[in-house]
Amino acid sequence: MAEEKYPINIWVNEERYEKLESAGLADMCEEMLAGMKVIRVYANDAQKDKILAVFPTAKFDSATTKSIELLPKDVKDKIFDKAVEKKSVDILDDFLSAY
C-alpha cells in the first residue's frame, strides 16, 4: 500500500509565482478559487504528526481534504522559501529538522 500524503496548501500571488518560476516550480501550481493559484507541499504520516505537535494551531482535516490546515502564516512562508531554495516541494524533513 502506498504511503498516504497530506497536502499543505500555500497560496501563490504574483511575487511568489515569479520566485517559483525562477526555481523551476511554477508548473506545480494549481488553479484554485477565482484564478488564485496554490502550490502543495506534501507531508507523510510522521511529518504530519510532527507538524501537529510542533504547531498547536495546526489542524488535520480528516473529514474532507485530508490536508494540514491553519498553520501560522510565517510557518507557511518558511515552507515556501525552503521549497524555492531547494527547487523542490519535497522539503519537509529539511524544514522540520529545525524544530
PDB file of N, CA and C in Angstrom:
ATOM      1  N   MET A   1       0.836  -1.191   0.000  1.00  0.00           N
ATOM      2  CA  MET A   1       0.000   0.000   0.000  1.00  0.00           C
ATOM      3  C   MET A   1       0.880   1.254   0.000  1.00  0.00           C
ATOM      4  N   ALA A   2       0.559   2.187  -0.816  1.00  0.00           N
ATOM      5  CA  ALA A   2       1.333   3.428  -0.899  1.00  0.00           C
ATOM      6  C   ALA A   2       1.132   4.259   0.370  1.00  0.00           C
ATOM      7  N   GLU A   3       2.191   4.939   0.750  1.00  0.00           N
ATOM      8  CA  GLU A   3       2.114   5.796   1.921  1.00  0.00           C
ATOM      9  C   GLU A   3       1.209   6.991   1.633  1.00  0.00           C
ATOM     10  N   GLU A   4       0.379   7.325   2.609  1.00  0.00           N
ATOM     11  CA  GLU A   4      -0.505   8.480   2.456  1.00  0.00           C
ATOM     12  C   GLU A   4       0.311   9.758   2.424  1.00  0.00           C
ATOM     13  N   LYS A   5      -0.171  10.722   1.655  1.00  0.00           N
ATOM     14  CA  LYS A   5       0.450  12.048   1.591  1.00  0.00           C
ATOM     15  C   LYS A   5      -0.621  13.075   1.910  1.00  0.00           C
ATOM     16  N   TYR A   6      -0.248  14.064   2.731  1.00  0.00           N
ATOM     17  CA  TYR A   6      -1.199  15.066   3.191  1.00  0.00           C
ATOM     18  C   TYR A   6      -0.729  16.447   2.742  1.00  0.00           C
ATOM     19  N   PRO A   7      -1.524  17.147   1.946  1.00  0.00           N
ATOM     20  CA  PRO A   7      -1.070  18.429   1.411  1.00  0.00           C
ATOM     21  C   PRO A   7      -1.126  19.570   2.423  1.00  0.00           C
ATOM     22  N   ILE A   8      -0.152  20.444   2.297  1.00  0.00           N
ATOM     23  CA  ILE A   8      -0.180  21.766   2.917  1.00  0.00           C
ATOM     24  C   ILE A   8      -0.329  22.720   1.740  1.00  0.00           C
ATOM     25  N   ASN A   9      -1.453  23.435   1.680  1.00  0.00           N
ATOM     26  CA  ASN A   9      -1.721  24.347   0.568  1.00  0.00           C
ATOM     27  C   ASN A   9      -1.133  25.716   0.875  1.00  0.00           C
ATOM     28  N   ILE A  10      -0.305  26.194  -0.048  1.00  0.00           N
ATOM     29  CA  ILE A  10       0.313  27.508   0.102  1.00  0.00           C
ATOM     30  C   ILE A  10      -0.142  28.375  -1.070  1.00  0.00           C
ATOM     31  N   TRP A  11      -0.841  29.453  -0.744  1.00  0.00           N
ATOM     32  CA  TRP A  11      -1.360  30.344  -1.779  1.00  0.00           C
ATOM     33  C   TRP A  11      -0.211  31.065  -2.463  1.00  0.00           C
ATOM     34  N   VAL A  12      -0.360  31.250  -3.769  1.00  0.00           N
ATOM     35  CA  VAL A  12       0.703  31.832  -4.584  1.00  0.00           C
ATOM     36  C   VAL A  12       0.187  33.112  -5.234  1.00  0.00           C
ATOM     37  N   ASN A  13       0.813  34.242  -4.869  1.00  0.00           N
ATOM     38  CA  ASN A  13       0.499  35.511  -5.525  1.00  0.00           C
ATOM     39  C   ASN A  13       1.508  35.731  -6.658  1.00  0.00           C
ATOM     40  N   GLU A  14       1.445  36.888  -7.313  1.00  0.00           N
ATOM     41  CA  GLU A  14       2.335  37.138  -8.458  1.00  0.00           C
ATOM     42  C   GLU A  14       3.804  37.100  -8.062  1.00  0.00           C
ATOM     43  N   GLU A  15       4.117  37.713  -6.911  1.00  0.00           N
ATOM     44  CA  GLU A  15       5.508  37.741  -6.445  1.00  0.00           C
ATOM     45  C   GLU A  15       6.020  36.321  -6.181  1.00  0.00           C
ATOM     46  N   ARG A  16       5.206  35.525  -5.527  1.00  0.00           N
ATOM     47  CA  ARG A  16       5.598  34.137  -5.256  1.00  0.00           C
ATOM     48  C   ARG A  16       5.697  33.340  -6.550  1.00  0.00           C
ATOM     49  N   TYR A  17       4.781  33.606  -7.492  1.00  0.00           N
ATOM     50  CA  TYR A  17       4.808  32.881  -8.761  1.00  0.00           C
ATOM     51  C   TYR A  17       6.129  33.123  -9.485  1.00  0.00           C
ATOM     52  N   GLU A  18       6.600  34.370  -9.456  1.00  0.00           N
ATOM     53  CA  GLU A  18       7.890  34.686 -10.084  1.00  0.00           C
ATOM     54  C   GLU A  18       9.021  33.909  -9.425  1.00  0.00           C
ATOM     55  N   LYS A  19       8.988  33.794  -8.099  1.00  0.00           N
ATOM     56  CA  LYS A  19      10.011  33.017  -7.394  1.00  0.00           C
ATOM     57  C   LYS A  19       9.933  31.541  -7.791  1.00  0.00           C
ATOM     58  N   LEU A  20       8.711  31.032  -7.919  1.00  0.00           N
ATOM     59  CA  LEU A  20       8.545  29.637  -8.330  1.00  0.00           C
ATOM     60  C   LEU A  20       9.048  29.427  -9.756  1.00  0.00           C
ATOM     61  N   GLU A  21       8.780  30.397 -10.617  1.00  0.00           N
ATOM     62  CA  GLU A  21       9.276  30.299 -11.996  1.00  0.00           C
ATOM     63  C   GLU A  21      10.795  30.213 -12.018  1.00  0.00           C
ATOM     64  N   SER A  22      11.453  31.077 -11.240  1.00  0.00           N
ATOM     65  CA  SER A  22      12.925  31.093 -11.249  1.00  0.00           C
ATOM     66  C   SER A  22      13.495  29.806 -10.639  1.00  0.00           C
ATOM     67  N   ALA A  23      12.707  29.131  -9.789  1.00  0.00           N
ATOM     68  CA  ALA A  23      13.152  27.870  -9.192  1.00  0.00           C
ATOM     69  C   ALA A  23      12.717  26.653 -10.022  1.00  0.00           C
ATOM     70  N   GLY A  24      12.001  26.904 -11.125  1.00  0.00           N
ATOM     71  CA  GLY A  24      11.538  25.809 -11.968  1.00  0.00           C
ATOM     72  C   GLY A  24      10.352  25.046 -11.389  1.00  0.00           C
ATOM     73  N   LEU A  25       9.613  25.675 -10.477  1.00  0.00           N
ATOM     74  CA  LEU A  25       8.487  25.003  -9.832  1.00  0.00           C
ATOM     75  C   LEU A  25       7.121  25.550 -10.251  1.00  0.00           C
ATOM     76  N   ALA A  26       7.083  26.526 -11.144  1.00  0.00           N
ATOM     77  CA  ALA A  26       5.813  27.171 -11.492  1.00  0.00           C
ATOM     78  C   ALA A  26       4.794  26.182 -12.043  1.00  0.00           C
ATOM     79  N   ASP A  27       5.261  25.136 -12.725  1.00  0.00           N
ATOM     80  CA  ASP A  27       4.325  24.159 -13.292  1.00  0.00           C
ATOM     81  C   ASP A  27       3.638  23.313 -12.221  1.00  0.00           C
ATOM     82  N   MET A  28       4.084  23.425 -10.965  1.00  0.00           N
ATOM     83  CA  MET A  28       3.451  22.682  -9.875  1.00  0.00           C
ATOM     84  C   MET A  28       2.277  23.440  -9.262  1.00  0.00           C
ATOM     85  N   CYS A  29       2.079  24.683  -9.682  1.00  0.00           N
ATOM     86  CA  CYS A  29       0.942  25.468  -9.179  1.00  0.00           C
ATOM     87  C   CYS A  29      -0.350  24.907  -9.752  1.00  0.00           C
ATOM     88  N   GLU A  30      -1.382  24.951  -8.939  1.00  0.00           N
ATOM     89  CA  GLU A  30      -2.701  24.524  -9.385  1.00  0.00           C
ATOM     90  C   GLU A  30      -3.661  25.690  -9.230  1.00  0.00           C
ATOM     91  N   GLU A  31      -4.557  25.829 -10.210  1.00  0.00           N
ATOM     92  CA  GLU A  31      -5.589  26.866 -10.126  1.00  0.00           C
ATOM     93  C   GLU A  31      -6.598  26.460  -9.062  1.00  0.00           C
ATOM     94  N   MET A  32      -6.984  27.427  -8.242  1.00  0.00           N
ATOM     95  CA  MET A  32      -7.985  27.147  -7.223  1.00  0.00           C
ATOM     96  C   MET A  32      -9.154  28.107  -7.407  1.00  0.00           C
ATOM     97  N   LEU A  33      -9.412  28.908  -6.422  1.00  0.00           N
ATOM     98  CA  LEU A  33     -10.564  29.802  -6.425  1.00  0.00           C
ATOM     99  C   LEU A  33     -10.319  31.035  -7.279  1.00  0.00           C
ATOM    100  N   ALA A  34     -11.224  31.324  -8.194  1.00  0.00           N
ATOM    101  CA  ALA A  34     -11.224  32.566  -8.981  1.00  0.00           C
ATOM    102  C   ALA A  34      -9.848  32.913  -9.535  1.00  0.00           C
ATOM    103  N   GLY A  35      -9.167  31.916 -10.083  1.00  0.00           N
ATOM    104  CA  GLY A  35      -7.874  32.170 -10.694  1.00  0.00           C
ATOM    105  C   GLY A  35      -6.707  32.213  -9.720  1.00  0.00           C
ATOM    106  N   MET A  36      -6.976  32.108  -8.433  1.00  0.00           N
ATOM    107  CA  MET A  36      -5.893  32.065  -7.454  1.00  0.00           C
ATOM    108  C   MET A  36      -5.146  30.746  -7.624  1.00  0.00           C
ATOM    109  N   LYS A  37      -3.845  30.790  -7.359  1.00  0.00           N
ATOM    110  CA  LYS A  37      -3.026  29.593  -7.502  1.00  0.00           C
ATOM    111  C   LYS A  37      -2.572  29.099  -6.133  1.00  0.00           C
ATOM    112  N   VAL A  38      -2.299  27.801  -6.087  1.00  0.00           N
ATOM    113  CA  VAL A  38      -1.799  27.189  -4.864  1.00  0.00           C
ATOM    114  C   VAL A  38      -0.704  26.195  -5.252  1.00  0.00           C
ATOM    115  N   ILE A  39       0.285  26.087  -4.386  1.00  0.00           N
ATOM    116  CA  ILE A  39       1.273  25.023  -4.543  1.00  0.00           C
ATOM    117  C   ILE A  39       1.126  24.134  -3.316  1.00  0.00           C
ATOM    118  N   ARG A  40       1.261  22.846  -3.533  1.00  0.00           N
ATOM    119  CA  ARG A  40       1.067  21.896  -2.439  1.00  0.00           C
ATOM    120  C   ARG A  40       2.401  21.260  -2.065  1.00  0.00           C
ATOM    121  N   VAL A  41       2.676  21.296  -0.762  1.00  0.00           N
ATOM    122  CA  VAL A  41       3.810  20.577  -0.200  1.00  0.00           C
ATOM    123  C   VAL A  41       3.204  19.428   0.587  1.00  0.00           C
ATOM    124  N   TYR A  42       3.654  18.213   0.315  1.00  0.00           N
ATOM    125  CA  TYR A  42       3.022  17.041   0.917  1.00  0.00           C
ATOM    126  C   TYR A  42       3.814  16.519   2.110  1.00  0.00           C
ATOM    127  N   ALA A  43       3.078  16.135   3.151  1.00  0.00           N
ATOM    128  CA  ALA A  43       3.659  15.539   4.345  1.00  0.00           C
ATOM    129  C   ALA A  43       3.277  14.060   4.404  1.00  0.00           C
ATOM    130  N   ASN A  44       4.189  13.250   4.907  1.00  0.00           N
ATOM    131  CA  ASN A  44       3.844  11.853   5.176  1.00  0.00           C
ATOM    132  C   ASN A  44       3.296  11.754   6.597  1.00  0.00           C
ATOM    133  N   ASP A  45       2.982  10.555   7.057  1.00  0.00           N
ATOM    134  CA  ASP A  45       2.370  10.395   8.382  1.00  0.00           C
ATOM    135  C   ASP A  45       3.251  10.972   9.496  1.00  0.00           C
ATOM    136  N   ALA A  46       4.541  10.640   9.482  1.00  0.00           N
ATOM    137  CA  ALA A  46       5.442  11.100  10.546  1.00  0.00           C
ATOM    138  C   ALA A  46       5.572  12.622  10.517  1.00  0.00           C
ATOM    139  N   GLN A  47       5.704  13.202   9.314  1.00  0.00           N
ATOM    140  CA  GLN A  47       5.812  14.662   9.187  1.00  0.00           C
ATOM    141  C   GLN A  47       4.529  15.334   9.651  1.00  0.00           C
ATOM    142  N   LYS A  48       3.389  14.781   9.273  1.00  0.00           N
ATOM    143  CA  LYS A  48       2.092  15.332   9.699  1.00  0.00           C
ATOM    144  C   LYS A  48       2.009  15.351  11.222  1.00  0.00           C
ATOM    145  N   ASP A  49       2.366  14.242  11.851  1.00  0.00           N
ATOM    146  CA  ASP A  49       2.292  14.158  13.309  1.00  0.00           C
ATOM    147  C   ASP A  49       3.220  15.177  13.969  1.00  0.00           C
ATOM    148  N   LYS A  50       4.412  15.357  13.405  1.00  0.00           N
ATOM    149  CA  LYS A  50       5.349  16.329  13.981  1.00  0.00           C
ATOM    150  C   LYS A  50       4.826  17.756  13.812  1.00  0.00           C
ATOM    151  N   ILE A  51       4.283  18.062  12.644  1.00  0.00           N
ATOM    152  CA  ILE A  51       3.725  19.402  12.408  1.00  0.00           C
ATOM    153  C   ILE A  51       2.614  19.691  13.409  1.00  0.00           C
ATOM    154  N   LEU A  52       1.729  18.725  13.603  1.00  0.00           N
ATOM    155  CA  LEU A  52       0.615  18.921  14.535  1.00  0.00           C
ATOM    156  C   LEU A  52       1.100  19.063  15.974  1.00  0.00           C
ATOM    157  N   ALA A  53       2.219  18.422  16.317  1.00  0.00           N
ATOM    158  CA  ALA A  53       2.769  18.521  17.669  1.00  0.00           C
ATOM    159  C   ALA A  53       3.499  19.844  17.880  1.00  0.00           C
ATOM    160  N   VAL A  54       4.230  20.296  16.852  1.00  0.00           N
ATOM    161  CA  VAL A  54       5.069  21.490  16.984  1.00  0.00           C
ATOM    162  C   VAL A  54       4.261  22.782  16.863  1.00  0.00           C
ATOM    163  N   PHE A  55       3.236  22.774  16.019  1.00  0.00           N
ATOM    164  CA  PHE A  55       2.442  23.978  15.772  1.00  0.00           C
ATOM    165  C   PHE A  55       1.023  23.754  16.296  1.00  0.00           C
ATOM    166  N   PRO A  56       0.733  24.255  17.505  1.00  0.00           N
ATOM    167  CA  PRO A  56      -0.553  23.944  18.150  1.00  0.00           C
ATOM    168  C   PRO A  56      -1.781  24.468  17.405  1.00  0.00           C
ATOM    169  N   THR A  57      -1.624  25.468  16.549  1.00  0.00           N
ATOM    170  CA  THR A  57      -2.787  25.973  15.813  1.00  0.00           C
ATOM    171  C   THR A  57      -3.136  25.073  14.625  1.00  0.00           C
ATOM    172  N   ALA A  58      -2.198  24.252  14.183  1.00  0.00           N
ATOM    173  CA  ALA A  58      -2.410  23.413  13.007  1.00  0.00           C
ATOM    174  C   ALA A  58      -3.470  22.358  13.290  1.00  0.00           C
ATOM    175  N   LYS A  59      -4.254  22.086  12.253  1.00  0.00           N
ATOM    176  CA  LYS A  59      -5.298  21.063  12.337  1.00  0.00           C
ATOM    177  C   LYS A  59      -5.185  20.167  11.114  1.00  0.00           C
ATOM    178  N   PHE A  60      -5.615  18.930  11.282  1.00  0.00           N
ATOM    179  CA  PHE A  60      -5.649  17.987  10.169  1.00  0.00           C
ATOM    180  C   PHE A  60      -7.112  17.772   9.786  1.00  0.00           C
ATOM    181  N   ASP A  61      -7.441  18.051   8.537  1.00  0.00           N
ATOM    182  CA  ASP A  61      -8.812  17.881   8.040  1.00  0.00           C
ATOM    183  C   ASP A  61      -8.985  16.428   7.596  1.00  0.00           C
ATOM    184  N   SER A  62      -9.363  15.585   8.537  1.00  0.00           N
ATOM    185  CA  SER A  62      -9.506  14.162   8.226  1.00  0.00           C
ATOM    186  C   SER A  62     -10.826  13.864   7.510  1.00  0.00           C
ATOM    187  N   ALA A  63     -11.775  14.792   7.596  1.00  0.00           N
ATOM    188  CA  ALA A  63     -13.102  14.537   7.040  1.00  0.00           C
ATOM    189  C   ALA A  63     -13.176  14.727   5.526  1.00  0.00           C
ATOM    190  N   THR A  64     -12.556  15.768   5.009  1.00  0.00           N
ATOM    191  CA  THR A  64     -12.751  16.062   3.584  1.00  0.00           C
ATOM    192  C   THR A  64     -11.462  16.079   2.778  1.00  0.00           C
ATOM    193  N   THR A  65     -10.602  17.072   2.994  1.00  0.00           N
ATOM    194  CA  THR A  65      -9.456  17.281   2.107  1.00  0.00           C
ATOM    195  C   THR A  65      -8.221  16.481   2.488  1.00  0.00           C
ATOM    196  N   LYS A  66      -8.203  15.906   3.695  1.00  0.00           N
ATOM    197  CA  LYS A  66      -7.013  15.202   4.200  1.00  0.00           C
ATOM    198  C   LYS A  66      -5.787  16.113   4.161  1.00  0.00           C
ATOM    199  N   SER A  67      -6.002  17.405   4.393  1.00  0.00           N
ATOM    200  CA  SER A  67      -4.904  18.371   4.335  1.00  0.00           C
ATOM    201  C   SER A  67      -4.584  18.918   5.722  1.00  0.00           C
ATOM    202  N   ILE A  68      -3.417  19.506   5.829  1.00  0.00           N
ATOM    203  CA  ILE A  68      -2.981  20.144   7.057  1.00  0.00           C
ATOM    204  C   ILE A  68      -3.322  21.625   6.925  1.00  0.00           C
ATOM    205  N   GLU A  69      -4.124  22.112   7.860  1.00  0.00           N
ATOM    206  CA  GLU A  69      -4.665  23.475   7.784  1.00  0.00           C
ATOM    207  C   GLU A  69      -4.219  24.300   8.983  1.00  0.00           C
ATOM    208  N   LEU A  70      -4.449  25.601   8.887  1.00  0.00           N
ATOM    209  CA  LEU A  70      -4.292  26.559   9.980  1.00  0.00           C
ATOM    210  C   LEU A  70      -2.865  26.688  10.509  1.00  0.00           C
ATOM    211  N   LEU A  71      -1.900  26.447   9.642  1.00  0.00           N
ATOM    212  CA  LEU A  71      -0.520  26.739  10.035  1.00  0.00           C
ATOM    213  C   LEU A  71      -0.340  28.250  10.067  1.00  0.00           C
ATOM    214  N   PRO A  72       0.451  28.766  11.001  1.00  0.00           N
ATOM    215  CA  PRO A  72       0.696  30.213  11.032  1.00  0.00           C
ATOM    216  C   PRO A  72       1.310  30.696   9.711  1.00  0.00           C
ATOM    217  N   LYS A  73       1.005  31.923   9.332  1.00  0.00           N
ATOM    218  CA  LYS A  73       1.489  32.484   8.072  1.00  0.00           C
ATOM    219  C   LYS A  73       3.006  32.419   7.975  1.00  0.00           C
ATOM    220  N   ASP A  74       3.710  32.748   9.057  1.00  0.00           N
ATOM    221  CA  ASP A  74       5.177  32.737   8.990  1.00  0.00           C
ATOM    222  C   ASP A  74       5.715  31.326   8.752  1.00  0.00           C
ATOM    223  N   VAL A  75       5.012  30.319   9.229  1.00  0.00           N
ATOM    224  CA  VAL A  75       5.438  28.938   9.001  1.00  0.00           C
ATOM    225  C   VAL A  75       5.256  28.578   7.529  1.00  0.00           C
ATOM    226  N   LYS A  76       4.104  28.943   6.969  1.00  0.00           N
ATOM    227  CA  LYS A  76       3.885  28.685   5.542  1.00  0.00           C
ATOM    228  C   LYS A  76       4.893  29.454   4.687  1.00  0.00           C
ATOM    229  N   ASP A  77       5.220  30.683   5.109  1.00  0.00           N
ATOM    230  CA  ASP A  77       6.236  31.463   4.389  1.00  0.00           C
ATOM    231  C   ASP A  77       7.578  30.732   4.394  1.00  0.00           C
ATOM    232  N   LYS A  78       7.945  30.167   5.539  1.00  0.00           N
ATOM    233  CA  LYS A  78       9.220  29.446   5.642  1.00  0.00           C
ATOM    234  C   LYS A  78       9.211  28.178   4.787  1.00  0.00           C
ATOM    235  N   ILE A  79       8.071  27.479   4.768  1.00  0.00           N
ATOM    236  CA  ILE A  79       7.954  26.284   3.923  1.00  0.00           C
ATOM    237  C   ILE A  79       8.097  26.685   2.452  1.00  0.00           C
ATOM    238  N   PHE A  80       7.416  27.771   2.061  1.00  0.00           N
ATOM    239  CA  PHE A  80       7.513  28.255   0.684  1.00  0.00           C
ATOM    240  C   PHE A  80       8.962  28.606   0.341  1.00  0.00           C
ATOM    241  N   ASP A  81       9.620  29.372   1.227  1.00  0.00           N
ATOM    242  CA  ASP A  81      11.001  29.789   0.970  1.00  0.00           C
ATOM    243  C   ASP A  81      11.933  28.584   0.851  1.00  0.00           C
ATOM    244  N   LYS A  82      11.714  27.566   1.667  1.00  0.00           N
ATOM    245  CA  LYS A  82      12.548  26.353   1.617  1.00  0.00           C
ATOM    246  C   LYS A  82      12.334  25.632   0.289  1.00  0.00           C
ATOM    247  N   ALA A  83      11.089  25.589  -0.200  1.00  0.00           N
ATOM    248  CA  ALA A  83      10.811  24.940  -1.485  1.00  0.00           C
ATOM    249  C   ALA A  83      11.534  25.671  -2.617  1.00  0.00           C
ATOM    250  N   VAL A  84      11.509  27.001  -2.580  1.00  0.00           N
ATOM    251  CA  VAL A  84      12.195  27.784  -3.615  1.00  0.00           C
ATOM    252  C   VAL A  84      13.712  27.565  -3.515  1.00  0.00           C
ATOM    253  N   GLU A  85      14.219  27.598  -2.293  1.00  0.00           N
ATOM    254  CA  GLU A  85      15.662  27.417  -2.078  1.00  0.00           C
ATOM    255  C   GLU A  85      16.137  26.058  -2.594  1.00  0.00           C
ATOM    256  N   LYS A  86      15.362  25.010  -2.299  1.00  0.00           N
ATOM    257  CA  LYS A  86      15.746  23.644  -2.677  1.00  0.00           C
ATOM    258  C   LYS A  86      15.261  23.263  -4.080  1.00  0.00           C
ATOM    259  N   LYS A  87      14.438  24.146  -4.688  1.00  0.00           N
ATOM    260  CA  LYS A  87      13.874  23.876  -6.015  1.00  0.00           C
ATOM    261  C   LYS A  87      13.105  22.545  -6.021  1.00  0.00           C
ATOM    262  N   SER A  88      12.363  22.318  -4.921  1.00  0.00           N
ATOM    263  CA  SER A  88      11.613  21.076  -4.765  1.00  0.00           C
ATOM    264  C   SER A  88      10.505  21.293  -3.743  1.00  0.00           C
ATOM    265  N   VAL A  89       9.431  20.508  -3.847  1.00  0.00           N
ATOM    266  CA  VAL A  89       8.403  20.553  -2.812  1.00  0.00           C
ATOM    267  C   VAL A  89       8.608  19.433  -1.798  1.00  0.00           C
ATOM    268  N   ASP A  90       9.626  18.628  -1.990  1.00  0.00           N
ATOM    269  CA  ASP A  90       9.939  17.540  -1.059  1.00  0.00           C
ATOM    270  C   ASP A  90      10.952  18.053  -0.033  1.00  0.00           C
ATOM    271  N   ILE A  91      10.483  18.946   0.853  1.00  0.00           N
ATOM    272  CA  ILE A  91      11.401  19.661   1.739  1.00  0.00           C
ATOM    273  C   ILE A  91      11.026  19.564   3.216  1.00  0.00           C
ATOM    274  N   LEU A  92       9.976  18.837   3.550  1.00  0.00           N
ATOM    275  CA  LEU A  92       9.501  18.879   4.938  1.00  0.00           C
ATOM    276  C   LEU A  92      10.484  18.282   5.941  1.00  0.00           C
ATOM    277  N   ASP A  93      11.206  17.227   5.576  1.00  0.00           N
ATOM    278  CA  ASP A  93      12.207  16.699   6.510  1.00  0.00           C
ATOM    279  C   ASP A  93      13.236  17.776   6.819  1.00  0.00           C
ATOM    280  N   ASP A  94      13.693  18.441   5.781  1.00  0.00           N
ATOM    281  CA  ASP A  94      14.664  19.528   5.930  1.00  0.00           C
ATOM    282  C   ASP A  94      14.072  20.659   6.782  1.00  0.00           C
ATOM    283  N   PHE A  95      12.851  21.061   6.466  1.00  0.00           N
ATOM    284  CA  PHE A  95      12.182  22.136   7.205  1.00  0.00           C
ATOM    285  C   PHE A  95      12.003  21.764   8.676  1.00  0.00           C
ATOM    286  N   LEU A  96      11.521  20.546   8.927  1.00  0.00           N
ATOM    287  CA  LEU A  96      11.199  20.132  10.299  1.00  0.00           C
ATOM    288  C   LEU A  96      12.438  19.848  11.140  1.00  0.00           C
ATOM    289  N   SER A  97      13.597  19.698  10.509  1.00  0.00           N
ATOM    290  CA  SER A  97      14.813  19.436  11.276  1.00  0.00           C
ATOM    291  C   SER A  97      15.156  20.623  12.190  1.00  0.00           C
ATOM    292  N   ALA A  98      14.613  21.802  11.892  1.00  0.00           N
ATOM    293  CA  ALA A  98      14.864  22.979  12.717  1.00  0.00           C
ATOM    294  C   ALA A  98      13.984  23.003  13.974  1.00  0.00           C
ATOM    295  N   TYR A  99      13.065  22.051  14.097  1.00  0.00           N
ATOM    296  CA  TYR A  99      12.113  22.066  15.220  1.00  0.00           C
ATOM    297  C   TYR A  99      12.280  20.848  16.115  1.00  0.00           C
TER     298      TYR A  99
END
